[in-house]
PDB file of all heavy atoms in Angstrom:
ATOM      1  N   ILE A   1      82.019  91.338 104.564  1.00  0.00           N
ATOM      2  CA  ILE A   1      82.802  91.329 105.799  1.00  0.00           C
ATOM      3  C   ILE A   1      82.616  92.680 106.473  1.00  0.00           C
ATOM      4  O   ILE A   1      82.808  93.720 105.849  1.00  0.00           O
ATOM      5  CB  ILE A   1      84.304  91.068 105.532  1.00  0.00           C
ATOM      6  CG1 ILE A   1      84.507  89.674 104.960  1.00  0.00           C
ATOM      7  CG2 ILE A   1      85.114  91.223 106.813  1.00  0.00           C
ATOM      8  CD1 ILE A   1      85.932  89.301 104.675  1.00  0.00           C
ATOM      9  N   PHE A   2      82.246  92.652 107.742  1.00  0.00           N
ATOM     10  CA  PHE A   2      82.015  93.860 108.534  1.00  0.00           C
ATOM     11  C   PHE A   2      81.046  94.812 107.834  1.00  0.00           C
ATOM     12  O   PHE A   2      81.228  96.018 107.823  1.00  0.00           O
ATOM     13  CB  PHE A   2      83.325  94.587 108.856  1.00  0.00           C
ATOM     14  CG  PHE A   2      84.321  93.738 109.588  1.00  0.00           C
ATOM     15  CD1 PHE A   2      85.617  93.632 109.160  1.00  0.00           C
ATOM     16  CD2 PHE A   2      83.955  93.021 110.722  1.00  0.00           C
ATOM     17  CE1 PHE A   2      86.546  92.842 109.826  1.00  0.00           C
ATOM     18  CE2 PHE A   2      84.870  92.229 111.396  1.00  0.00           C
ATOM     19  CZ  PHE A   2      86.163  92.142 110.958  1.00  0.00           C
ATOM     20  N   GLY A   3      80.042  94.261 107.201  1.00  0.00           N
ATOM     21  CA  GLY A   3      79.020  95.073 106.558  1.00  0.00           C
ATOM     22  C   GLY A   3      79.390  95.608 105.193  1.00  0.00           C
ATOM     23  O   GLY A   3      78.626  96.336 104.581  1.00  0.00           O
ATOM     24  N   ALA A   4      80.563  95.256 104.691  1.00  0.00           N
ATOM     25  CA  ALA A   4      80.997  95.743 103.376  1.00  0.00           C
ATOM     26  C   ALA A   4      81.098  94.588 102.398  1.00  0.00           C
ATOM     27  O   ALA A   4      81.580  93.514 102.750  1.00  0.00           O
ATOM     28  CB  ALA A   4      82.358  96.438 103.489  1.00  0.00           C
ATOM     29  N   ASN A   5      80.623  94.805 101.190  1.00  0.00           N
ATOM     30  CA  ASN A   5      80.768  93.797 100.145  1.00  0.00           C
ATOM     31  C   ASN A   5      82.155  93.926  99.540  1.00  0.00           C
ATOM     32  O   ASN A   5      82.564  95.016  99.164  1.00  0.00           O
ATOM     33  CB  ASN A   5      79.723  94.005  99.055  1.00  0.00           C
ATOM     34  CG  ASN A   5      78.345  93.643  99.524  1.00  0.00           C
ATOM     35  OD1 ASN A   5      78.155  92.622 100.183  1.00  0.00           O
ATOM     36  ND2 ASN A   5      77.372  94.458  99.210  1.00  0.00           N
ATOM     37  N   ILE A   6      82.867  92.806  99.484  1.00  0.00           N
ATOM     38  CA  ILE A   6      84.189  92.828  98.866  1.00  0.00           C
ATOM     39  C   ILE A   6      84.227  91.785  97.759  1.00  0.00           C
ATOM     40  O   ILE A   6      83.598  90.738  97.849  1.00  0.00           O
ATOM     41  CB  ILE A   6      85.330  92.619  99.885  1.00  0.00           C
ATOM     42  CG1 ILE A   6      85.222  91.265 100.583  1.00  0.00           C
ATOM     43  CG2 ILE A   6      85.362  93.730 100.900  1.00  0.00           C
ATOM     44  CD1 ILE A   6      86.420  90.941 101.449  1.00  0.00           C
ATOM     45  N   SER A   7      84.963  92.093  96.717  1.00  0.00           N
ATOM     46  CA  SER A   7      85.042  91.207  95.557  1.00  0.00           C
ATOM     47  C   SER A   7      85.958  90.021  95.861  1.00  0.00           C
ATOM     48  O   SER A   7      86.761  90.042  96.801  1.00  0.00           O
ATOM     49  CB  SER A   7      85.569  91.964  94.345  1.00  0.00           C
ATOM     50  OG  SER A   7      86.934  92.290  94.550  1.00  0.00           O
ATOM     51  N   LEU A   8      85.831  89.010  95.028  1.00  0.00           N
ATOM     52  CA  LEU A   8      86.683  87.835  95.211  1.00  0.00           C
ATOM     53  C   LEU A   8      88.154  88.151  94.972  1.00  0.00           C
ATOM     54  O   LEU A   8      89.024  87.512  95.556  1.00  0.00           O
ATOM     55  CB  LEU A   8      86.217  86.703  94.298  1.00  0.00           C
ATOM     56  CG  LEU A   8      84.866  86.094  94.690  1.00  0.00           C
ATOM     57  CD1 LEU A   8      84.460  85.019  93.694  1.00  0.00           C
ATOM     58  CD2 LEU A   8      84.904  85.528  96.089  1.00  0.00           C
ATOM     59  N   SER A   9      88.435  89.157  94.147  1.00  0.00           N
ATOM     60  CA  SER A   9      89.844  89.521  93.951  1.00  0.00           C
ATOM     61  C   SER A   9      90.426  90.122  95.232  1.00  0.00           C
ATOM     62  O   SER A   9      91.590  89.891  95.557  1.00  0.00           O
ATOM     63  CB  SER A   9      90.007  90.488  92.775  1.00  0.00           C
ATOM     64  OG  SER A   9      89.284  91.668  92.989  1.00  0.00           O
ATOM     65  N   VAL A  10      89.616  90.864  95.983  1.00  0.00           N
ATOM     66  CA  VAL A  10      90.076  91.410  97.266  1.00  0.00           C
ATOM     67  C   VAL A  10      90.222  90.285  98.281  1.00  0.00           C
ATOM     68  O   VAL A  10      91.191  90.250  99.046  1.00  0.00           O
ATOM     69  CB  VAL A  10      89.114  92.509  97.782  1.00  0.00           C
ATOM     70  CG1 VAL A  10      89.479  92.931  99.192  1.00  0.00           C
ATOM     71  CG2 VAL A  10      89.119  93.702  96.844  1.00  0.00           C
ATOM     72  N   VAL A  11      89.280  89.348  98.277  1.00  0.00           N
ATOM     73  CA  VAL A  11      89.380  88.182  99.161  1.00  0.00           C
ATOM     74  C   VAL A  11      90.678  87.441  98.879  1.00  0.00           C
ATOM     75  O   VAL A  11      91.432  87.102  99.796  1.00  0.00           O
ATOM     76  CB  VAL A  11      88.163  87.241  98.984  1.00  0.00           C
ATOM     77  CG1 VAL A  11      88.390  85.917  99.700  1.00  0.00           C
ATOM     78  CG2 VAL A  11      86.896  87.906  99.491  1.00  0.00           C
ATOM     79  N   ASP A  12      90.977  87.214  97.611  1.00  0.00           N
ATOM     80  CA  ASP A  12      92.195  86.522  97.222  1.00  0.00           C
ATOM     81  C   ASP A  12      93.435  87.280  97.685  1.00  0.00           C
ATOM     82  O   ASP A  12      94.376  86.697  98.230  1.00  0.00           O
ATOM     83  CB  ASP A  12      92.213  86.325  95.702  1.00  0.00           C
ATOM     84  CG  ASP A  12      93.397  85.507  95.231  1.00  0.00           C
ATOM     85  OD1 ASP A  12      93.587  84.387  95.759  1.00  0.00           O
ATOM     86  OD2 ASP A  12      94.130  85.979  94.335  1.00  0.00           O
ATOM     87  N   PHE A  13      93.438  88.605  97.474  1.00  0.00           N
ATOM     88  CA  PHE A  13      94.558  89.441  97.901  1.00  0.00           C
ATOM     89  C   PHE A  13      94.776  89.319  99.415  1.00  0.00           C
ATOM     90  O   PHE A  13      95.892  89.097  99.881  1.00  0.00           O
ATOM     91  CB  PHE A  13      94.292  90.900  97.517  1.00  0.00           C
ATOM     92  CG  PHE A  13      95.255  91.870  98.112  1.00  0.00           C
ATOM     93  CD1 PHE A  13      96.501  92.070  97.558  1.00  0.00           C
ATOM     94  CD2 PHE A  13      94.918  92.600  99.252  1.00  0.00           C
ATOM     95  CE1 PHE A  13      97.394  92.970  98.112  1.00  0.00           C
ATOM     96  CE2 PHE A  13      95.805  93.496  99.812  1.00  0.00           C
ATOM     97  CZ  PHE A  13      97.048  93.684  99.249  1.00  0.00           C
ATOM     98  N   LEU A  14      93.694  89.453 100.186  1.00  0.00           N
ATOM     99  CA  LEU A  14      93.814  89.384 101.643  1.00  0.00           C
ATOM    100  C   LEU A  14      94.254  87.999 102.099  1.00  0.00           C
ATOM    101  O   LEU A  14      95.073  87.881 103.014  1.00  0.00           O
ATOM    102  CB  LEU A  14      92.489  89.768 102.306  1.00  0.00           C
ATOM    103  CG  LEU A  14      92.109  91.237 102.219  1.00  0.00           C
ATOM    104  CD1 LEU A  14      90.703  91.467 102.740  1.00  0.00           C
ATOM    105  CD2 LEU A  14      93.106  92.116 102.962  1.00  0.00           C
ATOM    106  N   GLN A  15      93.733  86.963 101.465  1.00  0.00           N
ATOM    107  CA  GLN A  15      94.151  85.609 101.821  1.00  0.00           C
ATOM    108  C   GLN A  15      95.650  85.433 101.614  1.00  0.00           C
ATOM    109  O   GLN A  15      96.341  84.891 102.472  1.00  0.00           O
ATOM    110  CB  GLN A  15      93.385  84.572 100.998  1.00  0.00           C
ATOM    111  CG  GLN A  15      91.967  84.378 101.449  1.00  0.00           C
ATOM    112  CD  GLN A  15      91.191  83.470 100.525  1.00  0.00           C
ATOM    113  OE1 GLN A  15      91.438  83.417  99.322  1.00  0.00           O
ATOM    114  NE2 GLN A  15      90.230  82.764 101.079  1.00  0.00           N
ATOM    115  N   LYS A  16      96.140  85.891 100.477  1.00  0.00           N
ATOM    116  CA  LYS A  16      97.568  85.743 100.184  1.00  0.00           C
ATOM    117  C   LYS A  16      98.423  86.548 101.155  1.00  0.00           C
ATOM    118  O   LYS A  16      99.463  86.083 101.609  1.00  0.00           O
ATOM    119  CB  LYS A  16      97.852  86.163  98.749  1.00  0.00           C
ATOM    120  CG  LYS A  16      97.362  85.157  97.743  1.00  0.00           C
ATOM    121  CD  LYS A  16      97.600  85.619  96.323  1.00  0.00           C
ATOM    122  CE  LYS A  16      97.029  84.604  95.340  1.00  0.00           C
ATOM    123  NZ  LYS A  16      97.074  85.089  93.969  1.00  0.00           N
ATOM    124  N   LYS A  17      97.994  87.765 101.466  1.00  0.00           N
ATOM    125  CA  LYS A  17      98.777  88.619 102.360  1.00  0.00           C
ATOM    126  C   LYS A  17      98.751  88.126 103.792  1.00  0.00           C
ATOM    127  O   LYS A  17      99.728  88.268 104.522  1.00  0.00           O
ATOM    128  CB  LYS A  17      98.253  90.067 102.321  1.00  0.00           C
ATOM    129  CG  LYS A  17      98.608  90.808 101.070  1.00  0.00           C
ATOM    130  CD  LYS A  17     100.084  91.095 101.023  1.00  0.00           C
ATOM    131  CE  LYS A  17     100.465  91.845  99.774  1.00  0.00           C
ATOM    132  NZ  LYS A  17     101.912  91.979  99.640  1.00  0.00           N
ATOM    133  N   LEU A  18      97.617  87.574 104.225  1.00  0.00           N
ATOM    134  CA  LEU A  18      97.436  87.266 105.645  1.00  0.00           C
ATOM    135  C   LEU A  18      97.548  85.794 106.004  1.00  0.00           C
ATOM    136  O   LEU A  18      97.464  85.451 107.179  1.00  0.00           O
ATOM    137  CB  LEU A  18      96.068  87.794 106.105  1.00  0.00           C
ATOM    138  CG  LEU A  18      95.831  89.283 105.899  1.00  0.00           C
ATOM    139  CD1 LEU A  18      94.415  89.655 106.316  1.00  0.00           C
ATOM    140  CD2 LEU A  18      96.850  90.118 106.644  1.00  0.00           C
ATOM    141  N   GLN A  19      97.756  84.916 105.015  1.00  0.00           N
ATOM    142  CA  GLN A  19      97.706  83.479 105.295  1.00  0.00           C
ATOM    143  C   GLN A  19      98.690  83.022 106.362  1.00  0.00           C
ATOM    144  O   GLN A  19      98.367  82.161 107.179  1.00  0.00           O
ATOM    145  CB  GLN A  19      97.885  82.671 104.023  1.00  0.00           C
ATOM    146  CG  GLN A  19      99.240  82.780 103.378  1.00  0.00           C
ATOM    147  CD  GLN A  19      99.307  82.031 102.060  1.00  0.00           C
ATOM    148  OE1 GLN A  19      98.367  81.371 101.679  1.00  0.00           O
ATOM    149  NE2 GLN A  19     100.422  82.159 101.375  1.00  0.00           N
ATOM    150  N   ASP A  20      99.877  83.568 106.392  1.00  0.00           N
ATOM    151  CA  ASP A  20     100.885  83.143 107.373  1.00  0.00           C
ATOM    152  C   ASP A  20     101.045  84.136 108.516  1.00  0.00           C
ATOM    153  O   ASP A  20     101.960  84.002 109.320  1.00  0.00           O
ATOM    154  CB  ASP A  20     102.236  82.949 106.672  1.00  0.00           C
ATOM    155  CG  ASP A  20     102.182  81.840 105.631  1.00  0.00           C
ATOM    156  OD1 ASP A  20     101.464  80.854 105.857  1.00  0.00           O
ATOM    157  OD2 ASP A  20     102.852  81.968 104.587  1.00  0.00           O
ATOM    158  N   THR A  21     100.172  85.114 108.579  1.00  0.00           N
ATOM    159  CA  THR A  21     100.260  86.158 109.591  1.00  0.00           C
ATOM    160  C   THR A  21      99.460  85.743 110.818  1.00  0.00           C
ATOM    161  O   THR A  21      98.315  85.330 110.703  1.00  0.00           O
ATOM    162  CB  THR A  21      99.700  87.481 109.037  1.00  0.00           C
ATOM    163  OG1 THR A  21     100.362  87.769 107.813  1.00  0.00           O
ATOM    164  CG2 THR A  21      99.906  88.616 110.000  1.00  0.00           C
ATOM    165  N   ILE A  22     100.063  85.884 111.997  1.00  0.00           N
ATOM    166  CA  ILE A  22      99.349  85.495 113.215  1.00  0.00           C
ATOM    167  C   ILE A  22      99.108  86.660 114.169  1.00  0.00           C
ATOM    168  O   ILE A  22      98.253  86.575 115.035  1.00  0.00           O
ATOM    169  CB  ILE A  22     100.086  84.358 113.960  1.00  0.00           C
ATOM    170  CG1 ILE A  22     101.509  84.758 114.298  1.00  0.00           C
ATOM    171  CG2 ILE A  22     100.055  83.081 113.153  1.00  0.00           C
ATOM    172  CD1 ILE A  22     102.245  83.789 115.196  1.00  0.00           C
ATOM    173  N   ALA A  23      99.812  87.759 114.002  1.00  0.00           N
ATOM    174  CA  ALA A  23      99.667  88.896 114.915  1.00  0.00           C
ATOM    175  C   ALA A  23      99.024  90.075 114.198  1.00  0.00           C
ATOM    176  O   ALA A  23      99.335  90.363 113.044  1.00  0.00           O
ATOM    177  CB  ALA A  23     101.026  89.311 115.467  1.00  0.00           C
ATOM    178  N   VAL A  24      98.140  90.759 114.898  1.00  0.00           N
ATOM    179  CA  VAL A  24      97.431  91.904 114.313  1.00  0.00           C
ATOM    180  C   VAL A  24      98.413  93.004 113.905  1.00  0.00           C
ATOM    181  O   VAL A  24      98.222  93.660 112.884  1.00  0.00           O
ATOM    182  CB  VAL A  24      96.330  92.416 115.270  1.00  0.00           C
ATOM    183  CG1 VAL A  24      96.918  93.027 116.531  1.00  0.00           C
ATOM    184  CG2 VAL A  24      95.433  93.430 114.569  1.00  0.00           C
ATOM    185  N   GLU A  25      99.466  93.179 114.676  1.00  0.00           N
ATOM    186  CA  GLU A  25     100.448  94.213 114.348  1.00  0.00           C
ATOM    187  C   GLU A  25     101.140  93.909 113.020  1.00  0.00           C
ATOM    188  O   GLU A  25     101.352  94.800 112.199  1.00  0.00           O
ATOM    189  CB  GLU A  25     101.502  94.342 115.467  1.00  0.00           C
ATOM    190  CG  GLU A  25     100.954  94.807 116.784  1.00  0.00           C
ATOM    191  CD  GLU A  25     100.342  93.687 117.642  1.00  0.00           C
ATOM    192  OE1 GLU A  25     100.437  92.494 117.251  1.00  0.00           O
ATOM    193  OE2 GLU A  25      99.767  94.007 118.689  1.00  0.00           O
ATOM    194  N   GLN A  26     101.491  92.651 112.826  1.00  0.00           N
ATOM    195  CA  GLN A  26     102.132  92.226 111.583  1.00  0.00           C
ATOM    196  C   GLN A  26     101.160  92.396 110.404  1.00  0.00           C
ATOM    197  O   GLN A  26     101.548  92.840 109.329  1.00  0.00           O
ATOM    198  CB  GLN A  26     102.578  90.767 111.695  1.00  0.00           C
ATOM    199  CG  GLN A  26     103.302  90.259 110.472  1.00  0.00           C
ATOM    200  CD  GLN A  26     103.616  88.771 110.561  1.00  0.00           C
ATOM    201  OE1 GLN A  26     103.061  88.045 111.382  1.00  0.00           O
ATOM    202  NE2 GLN A  26     104.511  88.317 109.705  1.00  0.00           N
ATOM    203  N   ALA A  27      99.892  92.050 110.617  1.00  0.00           N
ATOM    204  CA  ALA A  27      98.885  92.197 109.559  1.00  0.00           C
ATOM    205  C   ALA A  27      98.728  93.660 109.175  1.00  0.00           C
ATOM    206  O   ALA A  27      98.683  94.000 107.987  1.00  0.00           O
ATOM    207  CB  ALA A  27      97.550  91.625 110.025  1.00  0.00           C
ATOM    208  N   ASN A  28      98.642  94.534 110.165  1.00  0.00           N
ATOM    209  CA  ASN A  28      98.517  95.971 109.872  1.00  0.00           C
ATOM    210  C   ASN A  28      99.734  96.493 109.127  1.00  0.00           C
ATOM    211  O   ASN A  28      99.606  97.306 108.206  1.00  0.00           O
ATOM    212  CB  ASN A  28      98.284  96.760 111.166  1.00  0.00           C
ATOM    213  CG  ASN A  28      96.849  96.730 111.623  1.00  0.00           C
ATOM    214  OD1 ASN A  28      95.936  96.578 110.813  1.00  0.00           O
ATOM    215  ND2 ASN A  28      96.642  96.874 112.911  1.00  0.00           N
ATOM    216  N   GLU A  29     100.909  96.032 109.497  1.00  0.00           N
ATOM    217  CA  GLU A  29     102.138  96.463 108.811  1.00  0.00           C
ATOM    218  C   GLU A  29     102.144  95.985 107.352  1.00  0.00           C
ATOM    219  O   GLU A  29     102.475  96.755 106.447  1.00  0.00           O
ATOM    220  CB  GLU A  29     103.352  95.910 109.552  1.00  0.00           C
ATOM    221  CG  GLU A  29     104.671  96.403 109.011  1.00  0.00           C
ATOM    222  CD  GLU A  29     105.861  95.878 109.804  1.00  0.00           C
ATOM    223  OE1 GLU A  29     105.761  95.803 111.047  1.00  0.00           O
ATOM    224  OE2 GLU A  29     106.875  95.540 109.179  1.00  0.00           O
ATOM    225  N   LEU A  30     101.740  94.748 107.120  1.00  0.00           N
ATOM    226  CA  LEU A  30     101.682  94.218 105.750  1.00  0.00           C
ATOM    227  C   LEU A  30     100.709  95.014 104.885  1.00  0.00           C
ATOM    228  O   LEU A  30     101.012  95.353 103.743  1.00  0.00           O
ATOM    229  CB  LEU A  30     101.245  92.755 105.769  1.00  0.00           C
ATOM    230  CG  LEU A  30     102.296  91.722 106.122  1.00  0.00           C
ATOM    231  CD1 LEU A  30     101.649  90.360 106.347  1.00  0.00           C
ATOM    232  CD2 LEU A  30     103.327  91.633 105.016  1.00  0.00           C
ATOM    233  N   LEU A  31      99.551  95.317 105.429  1.00  0.00           N
ATOM    234  CA  LEU A  31      98.553  96.058 104.656  1.00  0.00           C
ATOM    235  C   LEU A  31      98.978  97.505 104.430  1.00  0.00           C
ATOM    236  O   LEU A  31      98.704  98.079 103.382  1.00  0.00           O
ATOM    237  CB  LEU A  31      97.185  95.969 105.320  1.00  0.00           C
ATOM    238  CG  LEU A  31      96.569  94.574 105.242  1.00  0.00           C
ATOM    239  CD1 LEU A  31      95.281  94.501 106.035  1.00  0.00           C
ATOM    240  CD2 LEU A  31      96.329  94.166 103.804  1.00  0.00           C
ATOM    241  N   GLN A  32      99.662  98.093 105.399  1.00  0.00           N
ATOM    242  CA  GLN A  32     100.144  99.463 105.181  1.00  0.00           C
ATOM    243  C   GLN A  32     101.180  99.484 104.063  1.00  0.00           C
ATOM    244  O   GLN A  32     101.137 100.343 103.183  1.00  0.00           O
ATOM    245  CB  GLN A  32     100.735 100.059 106.446  1.00  0.00           C
ATOM    246  CG  GLN A  32     101.187 101.496 106.205  1.00  0.00           C
ATOM    247  CD  GLN A  32     101.764 102.159 107.423  1.00  0.00           C
ATOM    248  OE1 GLN A  32     101.936 101.562 108.470  1.00  0.00           O
ATOM    249  NE2 GLN A  32     102.091 103.430 107.285  1.00  0.00           N
ATOM    250  N   LYS A  33     102.082  98.521 104.059  1.00  0.00           N
ATOM    251  CA  LYS A  33     103.097  98.467 103.006  1.00  0.00           C
ATOM    252  C   LYS A  33     102.479  98.154 101.641  1.00  0.00           C
ATOM    253  O   LYS A  33     102.942  98.648 100.624  1.00  0.00           O
ATOM    254  CB  LYS A  33     104.153  97.417 103.344  1.00  0.00           C
ATOM    255  CG  LYS A  33     105.081  97.833 104.456  1.00  0.00           C
ATOM    256  CD  LYS A  33     106.098  96.747 104.762  1.00  0.00           C
ATOM    257  CE  LYS A  33     107.002  97.156 105.906  1.00  0.00           C
ATOM    258  NZ  LYS A  33     107.937  96.085 106.268  1.00  0.00           N
ATOM    259  N   SER A  34     101.436  97.342 101.627  1.00  0.00           N
ATOM    260  CA  SER A  34     100.819  96.926 100.367  1.00  0.00           C
ATOM    261  C   SER A  34      99.899  97.966  99.763  1.00  0.00           C
ATOM    262  O   SER A  34      99.914  98.199  98.560  1.00  0.00           O
ATOM    263  CB  SER A  34     100.015  95.642 100.575  1.00  0.00           C
ATOM    264  OG  SER A  34     100.833  94.610 101.013  1.00  0.00           O
ATOM    265  N   VAL A  35      99.058  98.562 100.603  1.00  0.00           N
ATOM    266  CA  VAL A  35      98.027  99.456 100.076  1.00  0.00           C
ATOM    267  C   VAL A  35      97.958 100.819 100.764  1.00  0.00           C
ATOM    268  O   VAL A  35      97.133 101.652 100.416  1.00  0.00           O
ATOM    269  CB  VAL A  35      96.624  98.794 100.119  1.00  0.00           C
ATOM    270  CG1 VAL A  35      96.568  97.597  99.202  1.00  0.00           C
ATOM    271  CG2 VAL A  35      96.251  98.390 101.535  1.00  0.00           C
ATOM    272  N   GLY A  36      98.812 101.039 101.769  1.00  0.00           N
ATOM    273  CA  GLY A  36      98.878 102.345 102.408  1.00  0.00           C
ATOM    274  C   GLY A  36      97.850 102.600 103.493  1.00  0.00           C
ATOM    275  O   GLY A  36      97.730 103.723 103.985  1.00  0.00           O
TER     276      GLY A  36
END
């Protein structure tokens, strides 16, 4: 994704975090809280 190889565990993590997210602002907030 975007030129970077990511593992399936990262894909799974992102899918779970972002599955119900529809706004970029909400997605950024979730990722900041999860991984900084």
